[in-house]
C-alpha atoms as a PDB file:
ATOM      1  CA  MET A   1     -11.655 -37.732  -8.373  1.00  0.00           C
ATOM      2  CA  LYS A   2      -8.015 -37.414  -7.122  1.00  0.00           C
ATOM      3  CA  LYS A   3      -7.204 -34.729  -9.059  1.00  0.00           C
ATOM      4  CA  GLN A   4     -10.216 -33.060  -7.510  1.00  0.00           C
ATOM      5  CA  THR A   5      -9.456 -33.384  -4.116  1.00  0.00           C
ATOM      6  CA  LEU A   6      -5.507 -32.145  -4.588  1.00  0.00           C
ATOM      7  CA  ASN A   7      -7.024 -29.220  -6.577  1.00  0.00           C
ATOM      8  CA  LYS A   8      -9.205 -28.156  -3.850  1.00  0.00           C
ATOM      9  CA  ILE A   9      -5.538 -28.604  -1.465  1.00  0.00           C
ATOM     10  CA  ILE A  10      -3.610 -26.529  -2.810  1.00  0.00           C
ATOM     11  CA  ILE A  11      -6.039 -23.542  -3.422  1.00  0.00           C
ATOM     12  CA  TYR A  12      -6.823 -24.371   0.650  1.00  0.00           C
ATOM     13  CA  THR A  13      -3.608 -23.960   1.079  1.00  0.00           C
ATOM     14  CA  LEU A  14      -2.590 -20.470  -1.346  1.00  0.00           C
ATOM     15  CA  LEU A  15      -5.899 -19.415   0.568  1.00  0.00           C
ATOM     16  CA  ILE A  16      -3.972 -19.771   4.128  1.00  0.00           C
ATOM     17  CA  LEU A  17      -0.779 -19.073   2.713  1.00  0.00           C
ATOM     18  CA  GLY A  18      -2.546 -15.571   1.568  1.00  0.00           C
ATOM     19  CA  GLY A  19      -4.364 -15.086   4.465  1.00  0.00           C
ATOM     20  CA  ILE A  20      -1.624 -15.238   7.004  1.00  0.00           C
ATOM     21  CA  VAL A  21       0.341 -12.743   5.250  1.00  0.00           C
ATOM     22  CA  MET A  22      -2.723 -10.510   5.401  1.00  0.00           C
ATOM     23  CA  ILE A  23      -3.217 -11.347   9.103  1.00  0.00           C
ATOM     24  CA  PHE A  24       0.590 -11.075  10.245  1.00  0.00           C
ATOM     25  CA  PRO A  25       0.999  -7.096   9.994  1.00  0.00           C
ATOM     26  CA  PHE A  26      -1.792  -6.571  11.394  1.00  0.00           C
ATOM     27  CA  PHE A  27      -0.715  -9.299  14.516  1.00  0.00           C
ATOM     28  CA  TRP A  28       2.226  -8.019  14.678  1.00  0.00           C
ATOM     29  CA  MET A  29       1.158  -4.121  15.261  1.00  0.00           C
ATOM     30  CA  PHE A  30      -1.535  -5.664  18.223  1.00  0.00           C
ATOM     31  CA  SER A  31       1.670  -7.583  19.398  1.00  0.00           C
ATOM     32  CA  SER A  32       4.364  -4.518  19.953  1.00  0.00           C
ATOM     33  CA  ALA A  33       1.238  -2.013  20.941  1.00  0.00           C
ATOM     34  CA  PHE A  34       1.645  -3.980  24.475  1.00  0.00           C
ATOM     35  CA  LYS A  35       5.362  -4.603  24.464  1.00  0.00           C
ATOM     36  CA  THR A  36       8.680  -2.915  26.518  1.00  0.00           C
ATOM     37  CA  ALA A  37      10.778  -1.078  24.206  1.00  0.00           C
ATOM     38  CA  ALA A  38      13.099  -3.905  24.318  1.00  0.00           C
ATOM     39  CA  GLU A  39      11.142  -6.300  23.449  1.00  0.00           C
ATOM     40  CA  THR A  40       9.957  -4.120  20.260  1.00  0.00           C
ATOM     41  CA  ALA A  41      13.423  -3.979  19.453  1.00  0.00           C
ATOM     42  CA  SER A  42      14.672  -7.416  20.421  1.00  0.00           C
ATOM     43  CA  PHE A  43      16.799 -10.289  18.348  1.00  0.00           C
ATOM     44  CA  PRO A  44      15.212 -13.489  17.383  1.00  0.00           C
ATOM     45  CA  PRO A  45      11.413 -11.072  17.442  1.00  0.00           C
ATOM     46  CA  LYS A  46       9.512 -11.862  20.557  1.00  0.00           C
ATOM     47  CA  TRP A  47       5.716 -13.145  19.791  1.00  0.00           C
ATOM     48  CA  ILE A  48       3.905 -12.635  22.137  1.00  0.00           C
ATOM     49  CA  PRO A  49       4.983  -9.909  25.139  1.00  0.00           C
ATOM     50  CA  SER A  50       6.181 -11.299  28.709  1.00  0.00           C
ATOM     51  CA  ILE A  51       3.670  -7.922  30.348  1.00  0.00           C
ATOM     52  CA  PRO A  52       1.411  -6.800  28.798  1.00  0.00           C
ATOM     53  CA  GLN A  53       2.435  -2.677  28.106  1.00  0.00           C
ATOM     54  CA  PHE A  54      -1.526  -1.410  29.079  1.00  0.00           C
ATOM     55  CA  LEU A  55       0.621   1.813  29.245  1.00  0.00           C
ATOM     56  CA  ASN A  56       1.946   2.077  26.063  1.00  0.00           C
ATOM     57  CA  PHE A  57      -1.858   3.672  24.938  1.00  0.00           C
ATOM     58  CA  ALA A  58      -1.553   6.125  27.756  1.00  0.00           C
ATOM     59  CA  LYS A  59       1.915   7.499  26.961  1.00  0.00           C
ATOM     60  CA  ALA A  60       1.139   7.788  23.358  1.00  0.00           C
ATOM     61  CA  LEU A  61      -1.829   9.950  24.104  1.00  0.00           C
ATOM     62  CA  ASP A  62       0.427  12.219  26.117  1.00  0.00           C
ATOM     63  CA  TYR A  63       2.819  12.394  23.359  1.00  0.00           C
ATOM     64  CA  ALA A  64       0.419  13.499  21.317  1.00  0.00           C
ATOM     65  CA  PRO A  65      -4.008  15.012  21.209  1.00  0.00           C
ATOM     66  CA  PHE A  66      -5.370  11.622  19.263  1.00  0.00           C
ATOM     67  CA  ASP A  67      -8.638  12.802  21.578  1.00  0.00           C
ATOM     68  CA  ARG A  68      -8.917  15.860  19.860  1.00  0.00           C
ATOM     69  CA  TYR A  69      -7.264  13.397  16.331  1.00  0.00           C
ATOM     70  CA  LEU A  70     -10.366  11.114  16.964  1.00  0.00           C
ATOM     71  CA  ILE A  71     -12.733  14.340  16.743  1.00  0.00           C
ATOM     72  CA  ASN A  72     -11.125  15.983  13.974  1.00  0.00           C
ATOM     73  CA  SER A  73     -11.724  12.588  11.991  1.00  0.00           C
ATOM     74  CA  LEU A  74     -15.621  12.805  13.291  1.00  0.00           C
ATOM     75  CA  ILE A  75     -16.418  15.635  11.975  1.00  0.00           C
ATOM     76  CA  VAL A  76     -14.939  15.507   8.472  1.00  0.00           C
ATOM     77  CA  THR A  77     -16.031  12.021   8.020  1.00  0.00           C
ATOM     78  CA  ILE A  78     -19.916  12.957   9.100  1.00  0.00           C
ATOM     79  CA  ALA A  79     -19.109  15.789   6.592  1.00  0.00           C
ATOM     80  CA  ASN A  80     -18.225  13.768   3.838  1.00  0.00           C
ATOM     81  CA  VAL A  81     -20.443  11.135   4.457  1.00  0.00           C
ATOM     82  CA  THR A  82     -23.727  13.419   4.949  1.00  0.00           C
ATOM     83  CA  LEU A  83     -23.072  15.182   2.121  1.00  0.00           C
ATOM     84  CA  THR A  84     -21.924  12.802  -0.475  1.00  0.00           C
ATOM     85  CA  MET A  85     -25.032  10.525   0.538  1.00  0.00           C
ATOM     86  CA  ILE A  86     -26.928  13.134  -1.093  1.00  0.00           C
ATOM     87  CA  SER A  87     -25.410  14.087  -4.070  1.00  0.00           C
ATOM     88  CA  THR A  88     -25.053  10.289  -4.810  1.00  0.00           C
ATOM     89  CA  ILE A  89     -28.927  10.028  -4.737  1.00  0.00           C
ATOM     90  CA  LEU A  90     -29.636  12.834  -6.266  1.00  0.00           C
ATOM     91  CA  ALA A  91     -27.788  12.494  -8.819  1.00  0.00           C
ATOM     92  CA  ALA A  92     -28.681   8.684  -9.277  1.00  0.00           C
ATOM     93  CA  PHE A  93     -31.940   9.378 -10.021  1.00  0.00           C
ATOM     94  CA  ALA A  94     -31.711  12.149 -11.984  1.00  0.00           C
ATOM     95  CA  PHE A  95     -29.504   9.586 -14.918  1.00  0.00           C
ATOM     96  CA  SER A  96     -31.761   6.693 -14.406  1.00  0.00           C
ATOM     97  CA  ARG A  97     -35.473   8.014 -13.690  1.00  0.00           C
ATOM     98  CA  LEU A  98     -35.584  11.405 -15.206  1.00  0.00           C
ATOM     99  CA  LYS A  99     -35.440  12.208 -19.376  1.00  0.00           C
ATOM    100  CA  TRP A 100     -33.360  14.970 -20.185  1.00  0.00           C
ATOM    101  CA  LYS A 101     -31.080  15.721 -23.655  1.00  0.00           C
ATOM    102  CA  GLY A 102     -28.382  14.773 -23.544  1.00  0.00           C
ATOM    103  CA  ARG A 103     -28.536  11.998 -20.400  1.00  0.00           C
ATOM    104  CA  ASP A 104     -26.227   9.336 -20.871  1.00  0.00           C
ATOM    105  CA  THR A 105     -23.842  11.610 -23.148  1.00  0.00           C
ATOM    106  CA  VAL A 106     -22.949  12.985 -19.717  1.00  0.00           C
ATOM    107  CA  PHE A 107     -23.464  10.113 -17.612  1.00  0.00           C
ATOM    108  CA  THR A 108     -20.677   8.405 -20.046  1.00  0.00           C
ATOM    109  CA  LEU A 109     -18.469  11.596 -19.833  1.00  0.00           C
ATOM    110  CA  MET A 110     -18.391  10.923 -15.892  1.00  0.00           C
ATOM    111  CA  LEU A 111     -17.640   7.550 -16.607  1.00  0.00           C
ATOM    112  CA  ALA A 112     -14.672   8.620 -18.317  1.00  0.00           C
ATOM    113  CA  LEU A 113     -14.135  10.610 -15.227  1.00  0.00           C
ATOM    114  CA  MET A 114     -13.165   8.204 -13.000  1.00  0.00           C
ATOM    115  CA  MET A 115      -9.831   6.676 -15.586  1.00  0.00           C
ATOM    116  CA  VAL A 116      -8.391  10.416 -13.840  1.00  0.00           C
ATOM    117  CA  PRO A 117      -6.823   9.618 -11.178  1.00  0.00           C
ATOM    118  CA  PHE A 118      -6.853  12.039  -7.731  1.00  0.00           C
ATOM    119  CA  GLU A 119      -3.498  12.255  -7.871  1.00  0.00           C
ATOM    120  CA  MET A 120      -3.649  13.962 -11.962  1.00  0.00           C
ATOM    121  CA  LEU A 121      -6.358  16.564  -9.711  1.00  0.00           C
ATOM    122  CA  VAL A 122      -4.224  17.205  -6.401  1.00  0.00           C
ATOM    123  CA  ILE A 123      -2.384  21.268  -7.729  1.00  0.00           C
ATOM    124  CA  THR A 124      -6.205  22.103  -8.846  1.00  0.00           C
ATOM    125  CA  ASN A 125      -7.490  21.240  -6.417  1.00  0.00           C
ATOM    126  CA  PHE A 126      -5.182  23.008  -3.874  1.00  0.00           C
ATOM    127  CA  GLN A 127      -5.299  26.047  -5.794  1.00  0.00           C
ATOM    128  CA  THR A 128      -9.052  26.529  -5.235  1.00  0.00           C
ATOM    129  CA  ILE A 129      -9.139  25.761  -1.746  1.00  0.00           C
ATOM    130  CA  ALA A 130      -5.464  28.026  -0.601  1.00  0.00           C
ATOM    131  CA  ASN A 131      -7.768  30.618  -3.281  1.00  0.00           C
ATOM    132  CA  TRP A 132     -11.742  30.300  -1.360  1.00  0.00           C
ATOM    133  CA  GLY A 133      -8.888  30.365   1.571  1.00  0.00           C
ATOM    134  CA  LEU A 134      -9.860  27.637   3.036  1.00  0.00           C
ATOM    135  CA  SER A 135      -6.281  26.239   4.135  1.00  0.00           C
ATOM    136  CA  ASP A 136      -5.580  24.525   6.839  1.00  0.00           C
ATOM    137  CA  ARG A 137      -9.355  24.294   8.101  1.00  0.00           C
ATOM    138  CA  LEU A 138     -11.883  20.377   7.752  1.00  0.00           C
ATOM    139  CA  LEU A 139     -13.841  22.436   5.129  1.00  0.00           C
ATOM    140  CA  ALA A 140     -10.675  22.116   3.349  1.00  0.00           C
ATOM    141  CA  LEU A 141     -11.252  18.000   3.736  1.00  0.00           C
ATOM    142  CA  ILE A 142     -14.554  18.447   3.042  1.00  0.00           C
ATOM    143  CA  ILE A 143     -15.568  20.489   0.422  1.00  0.00           C
ATOM    144  CA  PRO A 144     -13.421  18.424  -2.329  1.00  0.00           C
ATOM    145  CA  PHE A 145     -15.391  14.866  -1.262  1.00  0.00           C
ATOM    146  CA  THR A 146     -18.622  16.049  -1.789  1.00  0.00           C
ATOM    147  CA  ALA A 147     -19.377  14.167  -4.667  1.00  0.00           C
ATOM    148  CA  SER A 148     -18.359  10.567  -5.769  1.00  0.00           C
ATOM    149  CA  ILE A 149     -18.418   9.390 -10.148  1.00  0.00           C
ATOM    150  CA  PHE A 150     -18.089   5.847  -8.841  1.00  0.00           C
ATOM    151  CA  TYR A 151     -21.008   6.382  -5.596  1.00  0.00           C
ATOM    152  CA  THR A 152     -23.116   7.498  -8.399  1.00  0.00           C
ATOM    153  CA  PHE A 153     -22.407   4.748 -10.734  1.00  0.00           C
ATOM    154  CA  ILE A 154     -23.167   1.892  -8.590  1.00  0.00           C
ATOM    155  CA  LEU A 155     -26.930   3.555  -7.201  1.00  0.00           C
ATOM    156  CA  ARG A 156     -27.614   4.486 -10.397  1.00  0.00           C
ATOM    157  CA  ASN A 157     -27.415   0.784 -11.958  1.00  0.00           C
ATOM    158  CA  PHE A 158     -29.475   0.456  -9.491  1.00  0.00           C
ATOM    159  CA  PHE A 159     -32.303   2.511  -9.740  1.00  0.00           C
ATOM    160  CA  MET A 160     -32.574   1.272 -13.109  1.00  0.00           C
ATOM    161  CA  SER A 161     -33.228  -2.417 -11.929  1.00  0.00           C
ATOM    162  CA  ILE A 162     -36.722  -0.581 -10.075  1.00  0.00           C
ATOM    163  CA  PRO A 163     -39.559  -1.144 -12.804  1.00  0.00           C
ATOM    164  CA  ASP A 164     -40.597   1.581 -14.318  1.00  0.00           C
ATOM    165  CA  SER A 165     -44.397   0.384 -13.130  1.00  0.00           C
ATOM    166  CA  LEU A 166     -43.433   1.559  -9.308  1.00  0.00           C
ATOM    167  CA  TYR A 167     -42.705   5.061 -10.907  1.00  0.00           C
ATOM    168  CA  TYR A 168     -45.637   4.892 -13.227  1.00  0.00           C
ATOM    169  CA  SER A 169     -48.144   4.312 -10.216  1.00  0.00           C
ATOM    170  CA  ALA A 170     -46.909   6.690  -7.989  1.00  0.00           C
ATOM    171  CA  LYS A 171     -47.641   9.219 -10.448  1.00  0.00           C
ATOM    172  CA  ILE A 172     -50.847   8.309 -10.949  1.00  0.00           C
ATOM    173  CA  ASP A 173     -51.463   8.450  -7.132  1.00  0.00           C
ATOM    174  CA  GLY A 174     -50.347  12.698  -7.655  1.00  0.00           C
ATOM    175  CA  ALA A 175     -46.588  11.295  -5.905  1.00  0.00           C
ATOM    176  CA  SER A 176     -44.022  14.145  -7.170  1.00  0.00           C
ATOM    177  CA  ASN A 177     -40.269  13.026  -8.346  1.00  0.00           C
ATOM    178  CA  TRP A 178     -38.994  14.325  -4.931  1.00  0.00           C
ATOM    179  CA  GLN A 179     -41.643  12.061  -3.168  1.00  0.00           C
ATOM    180  CA  TYR A 180     -41.178   8.976  -5.329  1.00  0.00           C
ATOM    181  CA  LEU A 181     -37.231   9.139  -4.797  1.00  0.00           C
ATOM    182  CA  TRP A 182     -37.100   8.956  -0.798  1.00  0.00           C
ATOM    183  CA  LYS A 183     -40.468   7.323  -0.235  1.00  0.00           C
ATOM    184  CA  VAL A 184     -39.786   4.294  -3.082  1.00  0.00           C
ATOM    185  CA  MET A 185     -36.700   4.890  -3.575  1.00  0.00           C
ATOM    186  CA  VAL A 186     -34.199   4.978  -1.741  1.00  0.00           C
ATOM    187  CA  PRO A 187     -35.986   1.976   0.681  1.00  0.00           C
ATOM    188  CA  ILE A 188     -35.530   0.088  -1.918  1.00  0.00           C
ATOM    189  CA  ALA A 189     -32.153   0.701  -2.975  1.00  0.00           C
ATOM    190  CA  LYS A 190     -31.145   0.708   0.842  1.00  0.00           C
ATOM    191  CA  PRO A 191     -28.403  -2.586   0.244  1.00  0.00           C
ATOM    192  CA  SER A 192     -26.494  -0.368  -2.440  1.00  0.00           C
ATOM    193  CA  ILE A 193     -26.894   3.338  -0.249  1.00  0.00           C
ATOM    194  CA  ILE A 194     -25.497   1.151   3.149  1.00  0.00           C
ATOM    195  CA  THR A 195     -23.010  -0.487   1.527  1.00  0.00           C
ATOM    196  CA  ILE A 196     -21.689   3.147   0.090  1.00  0.00           C
ATOM    197  CA  LEU A 197     -22.602   4.710   3.128  1.00  0.00           C
ATOM    198  CA  LEU A 198     -19.732   1.767   4.394  1.00  0.00           C
ATOM    199  CA  LEU A 199     -17.157   2.381   1.811  1.00  0.00           C
ATOM    200  CA  ASN A 200     -17.645   6.303   1.622  1.00  0.00           C
ATOM    201  CA  THR A 201     -16.565   6.207   5.734  1.00  0.00           C
ATOM    202  CA  ILE A 202     -13.879   3.726   5.520  1.00  0.00           C
ATOM    203  CA  VAL A 203     -11.847   6.411   2.456  1.00  0.00           C
ATOM    204  CA  SER A 204     -12.860   8.731   4.852  1.00  0.00           C
ATOM    205  CA  TRP A 205     -11.821   7.863   7.923  1.00  0.00           C
ATOM    206  CA  ASN A 206      -8.507   6.214   6.277  1.00  0.00           C
ATOM    207  CA  SER A 207      -7.598   9.395   3.776  1.00  0.00           C
ATOM    208  CA  PHE A 208      -3.826  10.527   4.159  1.00  0.00           C
ATOM    209  CA  MET A 209      -2.843  12.585   1.982  1.00  0.00           C
ATOM    210  CA  TRP A 210      -4.736  15.234   1.301  1.00  0.00           C
ATOM    211  CA  PRO A 211      -5.094  16.073   4.114  1.00  0.00           C
ATOM    212  CA  LEU A 212      -0.783  16.375   3.960  1.00  0.00           C
ATOM    213  CA  LEU A 213      -1.017  18.973   1.596  1.00  0.00           C
ATOM    214  CA  VAL A 214      -3.325  20.777   3.272  1.00  0.00           C
ATOM    215  CA  ILE A 215      -3.680  20.844   6.997  1.00  0.00           C
ATOM    216  CA  ASN A 216      -0.139  22.516   8.790  1.00  0.00           C
ATOM    217  CA  SER A 217      -1.817  23.323  12.538  1.00  0.00           C
ATOM    218  CA  ARG A 218      -1.959  20.020  15.209  1.00  0.00           C
ATOM    219  CA  GLY A 219      -4.826  21.108  16.120  1.00  0.00           C
ATOM    220  CA  ASN A 220      -6.818  20.074  12.927  1.00  0.00           C
ATOM    221  CA  ARG A 221      -5.168  17.095  12.451  1.00  0.00           C
ATOM    222  CA  THR A 222      -6.881  14.195  11.379  1.00  0.00           C
ATOM    223  CA  LEU A 223      -5.541  10.590  12.948  1.00  0.00           C
ATOM    224  CA  PRO A 224      -4.153   9.458   9.996  1.00  0.00           C
ATOM    225  CA  LEU A 225      -1.567  12.503   9.524  1.00  0.00           C
ATOM    226  CA  GLY A 226      -1.773  12.935  13.933  1.00  0.00           C
ATOM    227  CA  LEU A 227       0.291   8.982  12.991  1.00  0.00           C
ATOM    228  CA  TYR A 228       2.429  10.501  10.337  1.00  0.00           C
ATOM    229  CA  ALA A 229       3.614  12.629  12.558  1.00  0.00           C
ATOM    230  CA  PHE A 230       3.679  10.894  15.308  1.00  0.00           C
ATOM    231  CA  ILE A 231       6.705   8.674  14.397  1.00  0.00           C
ATOM    232  CA  THR A 232       8.971  12.414  14.529  1.00  0.00           C
ATOM    233  CA  GLU A 233       7.409  13.995  17.438  1.00  0.00           C
ATOM    234  CA  ALA A 234       7.772   9.908  19.652  1.00  0.00           C
ATOM    235  CA  GLY A 235      11.246   9.517  18.408  1.00  0.00           C
ATOM    236  CA  THR A 236      12.046   5.775  18.538  1.00  0.00           C
ATOM    237  CA  HIS A 237       9.479   4.846  20.514  1.00  0.00           C
ATOM    238  CA  PHE A 238       8.125   1.648  17.773  1.00  0.00           C
ATOM    239  CA  GLU A 239       5.541   0.239  21.077  1.00  0.00           C
ATOM    240  CA  LEU A 240       3.929   3.863  21.649  1.00  0.00           C
ATOM    241  CA  LEU A 241       3.883   4.508  18.000  1.00  0.00           C
ATOM    242  CA  MET A 242       2.834   0.577  17.179  1.00  0.00           C
ATOM    243  CA  ALA A 243      -0.129   1.532  20.749  1.00  0.00           C
ATOM    244  CA  ALA A 244      -1.399   4.922  18.650  1.00  0.00           C
ATOM    245  CA  SER A 245      -1.789   2.719  15.503  1.00  0.00           C
ATOM    246  CA  THR A 246      -3.877   0.282  17.088  1.00  0.00           C
ATOM    247  CA  MET A 247      -6.115   3.239  18.870  1.00  0.00           C
ATOM    248  CA  ILE A 248      -6.935   4.319  14.392  1.00  0.00           C
ATOM    249  CA  VAL A 249      -6.844   0.870  12.452  1.00  0.00           C
ATOM    250  CA  ILE A 250      -9.369  -1.114  15.057  1.00  0.00           C
ATOM    251  CA  PRO A 251     -12.447   1.077  14.583  1.00  0.00           C
ATOM    252  CA  ILE A 252     -12.101   1.055  11.147  1.00  0.00           C
ATOM    253  CA  ILE A 253     -11.534  -3.034  11.914  1.00  0.00           C
ATOM    254  CA  ILE A 254     -13.993  -3.651  13.539  1.00  0.00           C
ATOM    255  CA  LEU A 255     -16.791  -1.853  10.825  1.00  0.00           C
ATOM    256  CA  PHE A 256     -15.251  -4.171   8.408  1.00  0.00           C
ATOM    257  CA  LEU A 257     -16.208  -6.842   9.864  1.00  0.00           C
ATOM    258  CA  ILE A 258     -19.249  -6.133  10.508  1.00  0.00           C
ATOM    259  CA  ALA A 259     -20.161  -5.270   7.833  1.00  0.00           C
ATOM    260  CA  ARG A 260     -18.029  -7.223   5.242  1.00  0.00           C
ATOM    261  CA  LYS A 261     -21.344  -9.351   3.426  1.00  0.00           C
ATOM    262  CA  SER A 262     -22.996  -5.754   3.089  1.00  0.00           C
ATOM    263  CA  ILE A 263     -20.566  -4.086   1.187  1.00  0.00           C
ATOM    264  CA  VAL A 264     -19.565  -6.837  -1.282  1.00  0.00           C
ATOM    265  CA  ASN A 265     -22.972  -7.448  -1.847  1.00  0.00           C
ATOM    266  CA  GLY A 266     -24.202  -4.185  -2.652  1.00  0.00           C
ATOM    267  CA  VAL A 267     -21.032  -3.707  -4.871  1.00  0.00           C
ATOM    268  CA  ALA A 268     -21.653  -6.829  -7.025  1.00  0.00           C
ATOM    269  CA  ARG A 269     -26.080  -6.144  -6.846  1.00  0.00           C
ATOM    270  CA  GLY A 270     -24.615  -1.826  -7.833  1.00  0.00           C
ATOM    271  CA  GLY A 271     -22.391  -3.072 -10.623  1.00  0.00           C
ATOM    272  CA  LEU A 272     -24.699  -5.872 -12.098  1.00  0.00           C
ATOM    273  CA  LYS A 273     -27.435  -4.375 -12.723  1.00  0.00           C
ATOM    274  CA  GLY A 274     -29.170  -2.011 -15.276  1.00  0.00           C
END
């Protein structure tokens, strides 16, 4: 009994320490966003600002058009999520319910492509976008991300867990494959679909490397890229940099806190079934 208690104490202690390590950067960012320039450079560090400087956020907006960056990020994120959801649902249905020659072989080959890191495809994607004349346009941030093998894998496994009896019953009632997909399978798979939607939203919102390569003009920057450029545009004003970072991070933190259970449950159910 004592050994079990000791093990629990050790486990919880490690978890608490790990939680502190993970939370501390966010705490420091939020705190520094309300500090003066002198307080951000003080030593020893000043953990809490003496007088919160709410004007830091207004000053950050004066240095860079974060409102425009926000609109660009919303356009790219909404377009990516919408197109990815459509392609994922259709692909998952094709690989789970439709019977066609070589289906499993093609799906296996697609899964093998998941082992190829995105960095290895950057040059090919960049050349394609350049040849299409889409460089420095928001379409360059949307077209390469209209499909995902990982999301298709999750949803395909969930679709395969749906009993075949539902499919045959729908066929007897005269439903087409298209009607069966949208009226039966999609509503049943709502937990996995919500998970995919949330994960894709976070990934699209935080995308940085690809926009850095294909976007050159200030007016087409997304929030992460705009924050990177803000480092040079605002000079060494760390309090303004933290204020800008806070404005960008807060929406995703709120989204994750609200939907964290759905994300974990959806990935677990989609990965284990099938």
